[in-house]
Protein backbone atom coordinates (compact mmCIF):
# COMPACT_ATOMS: atom_id res chain seq x y z
CA UNK A 1 96.93 138.01 -9.45
CA UNK A 2 93.79 136.89 -11.24
CA UNK A 3 91.47 139.03 -9.16
CA UNK A 4 91.41 141.87 -6.70
CA UNK A 5 90.36 141.43 -3.11
CA UNK A 6 86.61 141.60 -2.84
CA UNK A 7 85.45 145.12 -2.01
CA UNK A 8 82.08 146.27 -0.72
CA UNK A 9 79.88 147.52 -3.54
CA UNK A 10 80.03 151.35 -3.58
CA UNK A 11 76.79 153.36 -3.77
CA UNK A 12 75.47 153.94 -7.28
CA UNK A 13 76.07 157.47 -8.63
CA UNK A 14 73.48 159.07 -10.87
CA UNK A 15 74.04 157.96 -14.44
CA UNK A 16 72.83 161.33 -15.74
CA UNK A 17 75.98 162.89 -14.30
CA UNK A 18 77.93 161.09 -17.02
CA UNK A 19 75.79 160.37 -20.08
CA UNK A 20 72.64 162.48 -19.88
CA UNK A 21 69.34 162.70 -18.05
CA UNK A 22 68.53 159.02 -18.57
CA UNK A 23 70.38 155.81 -19.33
CA UNK A 24 69.16 155.88 -22.92
CA UNK A 25 69.79 159.52 -23.76
CA UNK A 26 72.47 160.02 -26.37
CA UNK A 27 74.98 162.71 -25.44
CA UNK A 28 78.52 163.68 -26.24
CA UNK A 29 80.92 163.39 -23.35
CA UNK A 30 84.52 164.11 -22.56
CA UNK A 31 86.85 161.31 -21.51
CA UNK A 32 87.87 163.51 -18.59
CA UNK A 33 84.33 163.04 -17.21
CA UNK A 34 84.77 159.29 -16.82
CA UNK A 35 85.04 158.23 -13.15
CA UNK A 36 88.45 156.56 -13.50
CA UNK A 37 89.86 159.73 -15.09
CA UNK A 38 88.16 162.13 -12.68
CA UNK A 39 89.58 160.27 -9.69
CA UNK A 40 93.06 160.18 -11.22
CA UNK A 41 93.10 156.38 -11.26
CA UNK A 42 93.68 156.36 -15.04
CA UNK A 43 94.75 158.88 -17.64
CA UNK A 44 92.53 159.14 -20.74
CA UNK A 45 95.03 156.98 -22.69
CA UNK A 46 95.10 154.33 -19.96
CA UNK A 47 91.30 154.34 -19.85
CA UNK A 48 91.12 153.67 -23.60
CA UNK A 49 93.73 150.90 -23.37
CA UNK A 50 91.89 149.19 -20.50
CA UNK A 51 88.58 149.28 -22.36
CA UNK A 52 90.19 147.80 -25.48
CA UNK A 53 91.91 144.98 -23.62
CA UNK A 54 88.69 144.06 -21.88
CA UNK A 55 86.71 144.19 -25.13
CA UNK A 56 89.25 141.82 -26.73
CA UNK A 57 88.59 139.49 -23.80
CA UNK A 58 84.83 139.78 -24.33
CA UNK A 59 85.33 139.09 -28.04
CA UNK A 60 87.35 135.95 -27.37
CA UNK A 61 85.03 134.77 -24.58
CA UNK A 62 82.05 135.19 -26.89
CA UNK A 63 83.79 133.10 -29.54
CA UNK A 64 84.59 130.34 -27.04
CA UNK A 65 81.00 130.36 -25.75
CA UNK A 66 79.70 130.36 -29.36
CA UNK A 67 77.59 133.47 -28.81
CA UNK A 68 76.01 135.40 -31.73
CA UNK A 69 77.79 138.56 -32.87
CA UNK A 70 75.01 140.81 -31.58
CA UNK A 71 75.28 139.26 -28.10
CA UNK A 72 79.01 139.96 -27.96
CA UNK A 73 78.41 143.56 -29.04
CA UNK A 74 75.68 143.99 -26.44
CA UNK A 75 78.02 142.73 -23.71
CA UNK A 76 80.53 145.41 -24.76
CA UNK A 77 77.89 148.15 -24.65
CA UNK A 78 76.89 147.04 -21.14
CA UNK A 79 80.57 147.08 -20.15
CA UNK A 80 81.15 150.59 -21.53
CA UNK A 81 77.99 151.93 -19.90
CA UNK A 82 78.91 150.39 -16.55
CA UNK A 83 82.34 152.02 -16.49
CA UNK A 84 80.86 155.33 -17.61
CA UNK A 85 79.37 155.45 -14.10
CA UNK A 86 81.78 153.38 -12.01
CA UNK A 87 85.54 153.61 -11.72
CA UNK A 88 87.80 150.72 -12.70
CA UNK A 89 89.21 151.13 -9.20
CA UNK A 90 85.95 150.02 -7.60
CA UNK A 91 85.13 146.83 -9.52
CA UNK A 92 87.31 144.08 -10.97
CA UNK A 93 86.90 144.28 -14.75
CA UNK A 94 87.17 140.52 -15.22
CA UNK A 95 84.21 139.96 -12.91
CA UNK A 96 82.25 142.79 -14.56
CA UNK A 97 83.03 141.32 -17.99
CA UNK A 98 81.66 137.91 -17.02
CA UNK A 99 78.51 139.53 -15.62
CA UNK A 100 78.10 141.56 -18.85
CA UNK A 101 78.37 138.40 -20.96
CA UNK A 102 75.83 136.61 -18.79
CA UNK A 103 73.38 139.53 -18.93
CA UNK A 104 73.84 140.13 -22.67
CA UNK A 105 73.26 136.44 -23.43
CA UNK A 106 69.93 136.59 -21.60
CA UNK A 107 68.99 139.89 -23.23
CA UNK A 108 69.69 138.68 -26.76
CA UNK A 109 67.94 135.33 -26.19
CA UNK A 110 71.10 133.23 -26.35
CA UNK A 111 71.41 132.33 -22.64
CA UNK A 112 74.29 130.33 -21.21
CA UNK A 113 74.44 128.58 -17.86
CA UNK A 114 76.27 130.52 -15.17
CA UNK A 115 78.78 127.77 -14.37
CA UNK A 116 79.67 127.39 -18.07
CA UNK A 117 80.30 131.13 -18.45
CA UNK A 118 82.43 131.26 -15.29
CA UNK A 119 84.51 128.21 -16.22
CA UNK A 120 85.15 129.25 -19.83
CA UNK A 121 85.99 132.83 -18.90
CA UNK A 122 88.24 131.79 -16.02
CA UNK A 123 90.09 129.36 -18.26
CA UNK A 124 90.56 132.06 -20.90
CA UNK A 125 91.77 134.52 -18.27
CA UNK A 126 94.15 131.93 -16.83
CA UNK A 127 95.60 131.13 -20.25
CA UNK A 128 96.12 134.83 -20.91
CA UNK A 129 97.92 135.23 -17.58
CA UNK A 130 100.22 132.30 -18.39
CA UNK A 131 101.02 133.71 -21.82
CA UNK A 132 101.75 137.12 -20.33
CA UNK A 133 104.22 135.54 -17.94
CA UNK A 134 105.72 133.54 -20.81
CA UNK A 135 104.69 130.22 -19.31
CA UNK A 136 106.64 130.81 -16.10
CA UNK A 137 105.31 129.00 -13.05
CA UNK A 138 102.97 131.51 -11.46
CA UNK A 139 101.94 131.93 -7.87
CA UNK A 140 99.19 129.59 -6.74
CA UNK A 141 96.10 131.35 -5.45
CA UNK A 142 94.39 129.96 -2.34
CA UNK A 143 90.99 128.47 -3.07
CA UNK A 144 91.66 127.88 -6.78
CA UNK A 145 91.44 124.26 -8.00
CA UNK A 146 91.74 123.48 -11.69
CA UNK A 147 90.93 120.20 -13.42
CA UNK A 148 93.08 118.58 -16.10
CA UNK A 149 91.47 120.68 -18.84
CA UNK A 150 92.17 123.93 -17.01
CA UNK A 151 88.60 124.55 -15.88
CA UNK A 152 87.82 125.91 -12.41
CA UNK A 153 86.43 123.23 -10.08
CA UNK A 154 82.78 124.03 -9.35
CA UNK A 155 83.25 123.02 -5.71
CA UNK A 156 86.30 125.13 -4.94
CA UNK A 157 86.26 128.31 -2.89
CA UNK A 158 87.12 130.59 -5.81
CA UNK A 159 84.24 129.29 -7.95
CA UNK A 160 81.75 129.91 -5.14
CA UNK A 161 83.16 133.41 -4.60
CA UNK A 162 82.99 134.23 -8.32
CA UNK A 163 79.46 132.89 -8.61
CA UNK A 164 78.19 135.07 -5.76
CA UNK A 165 80.13 138.11 -6.97
CA UNK A 166 78.91 137.84 -10.58
CA UNK A 167 75.28 137.42 -9.55
CA UNK A 168 75.66 140.55 -7.42
CA UNK A 169 77.35 142.46 -10.25
CA UNK A 170 74.59 141.45 -12.65
CA UNK A 171 72.14 143.33 -10.43
CA UNK A 172 74.51 146.28 -10.06
CA UNK A 173 74.87 146.50 -13.86
CA UNK A 174 71.07 146.48 -14.26
CA UNK A 175 70.74 149.38 -11.83
CA UNK A 176 73.62 151.23 -13.45
CA UNK A 177 72.14 151.11 -16.96
CA UNK A 178 68.69 151.95 -15.63
CA UNK A 179 67.31 148.51 -16.61
CA UNK A 180 67.58 149.64 -20.24
CA UNK A 181 68.33 146.32 -21.94
CA UNK A 182 67.28 147.24 -25.46
CA UNK A 183 70.47 148.07 -27.35
CA UNK A 184 70.50 149.33 -30.93
CA UNK A 185 73.70 148.54 -32.80
CA UNK A 186 75.10 150.16 -35.96
CA UNK A 187 74.43 146.94 -37.92
CA UNK A 188 70.72 147.68 -38.32
CA UNK A 189 71.52 150.84 -40.30
CA UNK A 190 73.54 149.10 -42.99
CA UNK A 191 70.36 148.78 -45.06
CA UNK A 192 71.46 152.24 -46.24
CA UNK A 193 74.12 150.49 -48.37
CA UNK A 194 71.55 148.70 -50.52
CA UNK A 195 69.64 151.95 -51.04
CA UNK A 196 72.77 153.85 -52.05
CA UNK A 197 73.80 151.21 -54.58
CA UNK A 198 70.28 150.81 -56.02
CA UNK A 199 70.00 154.57 -56.55
CA UNK A 200 73.48 154.66 -58.15
CA UNK A 201 74.94 157.05 -55.59
CA UNK A 202 78.30 155.24 -55.57
CA UNK A 203 80.83 154.20 -58.17
CA UNK A 204 84.31 152.67 -58.22
CA UNK A 205 87.17 155.11 -58.70
CA UNK A 206 88.51 152.60 -61.24
CA UNK A 207 85.44 151.05 -62.94
CA UNK A 208 85.30 147.25 -63.25
CA UNK A 209 85.63 145.62 -66.66
CA UNK A 210 82.22 143.97 -66.27
CA UNK A 211 79.62 146.55 -65.28
CA UNK A 212 77.02 143.83 -64.65
CA UNK A 213 79.08 142.45 -61.76
CA UNK A 214 79.67 145.86 -60.23
CA UNK A 215 76.54 146.26 -58.02
CA UNK A 216 76.86 142.80 -56.47
CA UNK A 217 80.56 143.13 -55.76
CA UNK A 218 80.10 146.66 -54.42
CA UNK A 219 77.33 145.54 -52.04
CA UNK A 220 79.32 142.57 -50.70
CA UNK A 221 82.52 144.55 -50.22
CA UNK A 222 80.88 147.58 -48.64
CA UNK A 223 78.74 145.50 -46.30
CA UNK A 224 81.63 143.32 -45.13
CA UNK A 225 83.95 146.25 -44.50
CA UNK A 226 81.19 148.16 -42.71
CA UNK A 227 80.48 145.17 -40.45
CA UNK A 228 84.19 144.90 -39.63
CA UNK A 229 84.49 148.59 -38.79
CA UNK A 230 81.33 148.42 -36.64
CA UNK A 231 82.80 145.46 -34.76
CA UNK A 232 86.01 147.44 -34.23
CA UNK A 233 84.05 150.44 -32.97
CA UNK A 234 82.72 148.32 -30.10
CA UNK A 235 86.24 148.27 -28.65
CA UNK A 236 86.05 152.03 -28.13
CA UNK A 237 83.70 154.22 -26.11
CA UNK A 238 81.97 155.44 -29.29
CA UNK A 239 78.70 153.84 -28.15
CA UNK A 240 78.71 156.39 -25.29
CA UNK A 241 79.55 159.32 -27.53
CA UNK A 242 77.29 158.90 -30.57
CA UNK A 243 74.00 157.25 -31.53
CA UNK A 244 74.37 153.99 -33.51
CA UNK A 245 73.20 155.46 -36.83
CA UNK A 246 76.03 158.01 -36.84
CA UNK A 247 78.56 155.26 -36.10
CA UNK A 248 77.06 153.18 -38.92
CA UNK A 249 77.35 156.02 -41.46
CA UNK A 250 80.95 156.68 -40.43
CA UNK A 251 81.67 152.97 -40.95
CA UNK A 252 80.12 153.16 -44.43
CA UNK A 253 82.34 156.13 -45.25
CA UNK A 254 85.47 154.30 -44.09
CA UNK A 255 84.39 151.20 -46.01
CA UNK A 256 83.89 153.23 -49.16
CA UNK A 257 87.41 154.58 -48.86
CA UNK A 258 88.89 151.11 -48.36
CA UNK A 259 86.82 149.74 -51.27
CA UNK A 260 88.00 152.67 -53.42
CA UNK A 261 84.51 154.02 -54.01
CA UNK A 262 83.33 157.58 -54.46
CA UNK A 263 79.93 159.29 -54.68
CA UNK A 264 78.57 159.90 -58.18
CA UNK A 265 77.75 163.28 -59.77
CA UNK A 266 80.72 164.98 -58.06
CA UNK A 267 78.97 164.76 -54.68
CA UNK A 268 80.77 164.45 -51.35
CA UNK A 269 80.28 161.67 -48.81
CA UNK A 270 78.59 164.17 -46.50
CA UNK A 271 75.99 164.81 -49.22
CA UNK A 272 74.80 161.20 -49.25
CA UNK A 273 75.26 160.24 -45.58
CA UNK A 274 73.19 161.69 -42.75
CA UNK A 275 76.15 162.71 -40.62
CA UNK A 276 77.88 166.00 -39.86
CA UNK A 277 81.52 166.67 -40.61
CA UNK A 278 82.58 166.86 -36.97
CA UNK A 279 80.78 163.59 -36.18
CA UNK A 280 82.42 161.85 -39.13
CA UNK A 281 85.88 163.15 -38.21
CA UNK A 282 85.62 162.17 -34.54
CA UNK A 283 84.23 158.67 -35.18
CA UNK A 284 86.53 158.04 -38.13
CA UNK A 285 89.71 159.04 -36.32
CA UNK A 286 88.89 156.93 -33.28
CA UNK A 287 88.28 153.83 -35.42
CA UNK A 288 91.40 154.52 -37.49
CA UNK A 289 93.47 154.82 -34.33
CA UNK A 290 92.17 151.45 -33.21
CA UNK A 291 93.06 149.62 -36.43
CA UNK A 292 96.34 151.47 -37.05
CA UNK A 293 98.51 148.56 -35.93
CA UNK A 294 96.35 145.74 -37.26
CA UNK A 295 98.03 143.24 -39.52
CA UNK A 296 96.93 143.30 -43.14
CA UNK A 297 95.84 146.95 -43.18
CA UNK A 298 96.75 148.51 -46.54
CA UNK A 299 99.10 151.34 -45.54
CA UNK A 300 98.46 153.41 -48.67
CA UNK A 301 94.67 153.32 -48.16
CA UNK A 302 95.09 153.98 -44.45
CA UNK A 303 97.22 157.07 -45.16
CA UNK A 304 94.71 158.27 -47.76
CA UNK A 305 91.77 157.96 -45.36
CA UNK A 306 93.73 159.61 -42.57
CA UNK A 307 94.65 162.49 -44.88
CA UNK A 308 91.01 162.93 -45.89
CA UNK A 309 89.86 162.97 -42.25
CA UNK A 310 92.63 165.38 -41.28
CA UNK A 311 91.49 167.68 -44.08
CA UNK A 312 87.95 167.62 -42.71
CA UNK A 313 89.26 168.13 -39.18
CA UNK A 314 91.08 171.31 -40.20
CA UNK A 315 87.81 172.69 -41.58
CA UNK A 316 86.00 172.18 -38.29
CA UNK A 317 88.97 173.00 -36.02
CA UNK A 318 87.82 175.18 -33.19
CA UNK A 319 84.11 174.46 -33.76
CA UNK A 320 82.17 173.83 -30.51
CA UNK A 321 81.25 170.23 -29.68
CA UNK A 322 77.48 169.70 -29.84
CA UNK A 323 75.84 168.79 -26.57
CA UNK A 324 78.77 169.58 -24.26
CA UNK A 325 78.10 173.04 -22.88
CA UNK A 326 80.30 172.61 -19.84
CA UNK A 327 83.54 171.83 -21.63
CA UNK A 328 83.30 172.45 -25.35
CA UNK A 329 86.99 172.00 -26.04
CA UNK A 330 87.37 168.82 -23.99
CA UNK A 331 86.27 166.19 -26.52
CA UNK A 332 88.95 165.69 -29.14
CA UNK A 333 89.63 162.61 -31.23
CA UNK A 334 92.56 160.67 -29.67
CA UNK A 335 95.89 160.95 -31.42
CA UNK A 336 97.04 158.15 -33.69
CA UNK A 337 100.46 158.46 -32.08
CA UNK A 338 99.04 157.35 -28.74
CA UNK A 339 99.25 153.60 -29.29
CA UNK A 340 98.99 150.61 -26.98
CA UNK A 341 102.35 149.04 -26.28
CA UNK A 342 100.93 145.52 -25.99
CA UNK A 343 97.62 144.02 -27.03
CA UNK A 344 96.77 141.90 -24.01
CA UNK A 345 93.40 140.21 -23.80
CA UNK A 346 92.53 141.50 -20.33
């Protein structure tokens, strides 16, 4: 089925019960605190998989709608924040995703018309369903009328239902996030890269033949890798666990490893990045888990980075998690062995 039966909107729980005393307060949290896990609807692994599938859908929908990168990332943050308060059992994630895209597009000043967003997203969802069923003839849903291009007819019953539901969910999302629409992303902290290179804090493990080309190449490589890792991080719940600057610095560390860079003057990465060891380990392992099965990932570099992070993890093993007084042992980086069996869009 493409959607669940419409349910009455449940009352809004207090967001501070999940992520702090206000919608904007940064706080560590345990996955076991998430509503879907607390109710037993999902295990922690299933919760992560569901978030990743939906974020892949948001990524693809943003591409189809030609939205800027920051708008797509903002839609993912809204999505993660919404399901930090509500259970996946209570709201259809496709409908919530569409509402998040609509709201993020307005927030980031790249608005799209409601009917365009609904039609493009429904078409994408429908194509994904067909692919999942290997192009078998699927059950027709009452009220759904598609045109020759696969778009939902604006006059059909399903379009009217979706329109009303998404407009309602847009208001529910606003209440859930405390009307906090200003979202800081890790990207704005990548100015640190230019400073590090200008002050000669980094060098290649194997120096280039032409030293004059080194700073330019280093900047381009490090920035591109960092952007890619930051984009990947949006598919996880890291935006609920850490402030964006910590995620950015962890992305720079990972990028440096993949670019085969090291700090100068025998310094460690922790000496030149404003991030603690436990923060770096937790963020790094979660991003590495996400990209573990990606095509084109250099296995030797991946193993090297994983070994480095595991070494750091052993040093902080047993250390209390900052900001989680109720369950200090609860937040652990997910295991790399816990992989998704299939990478569905939604």
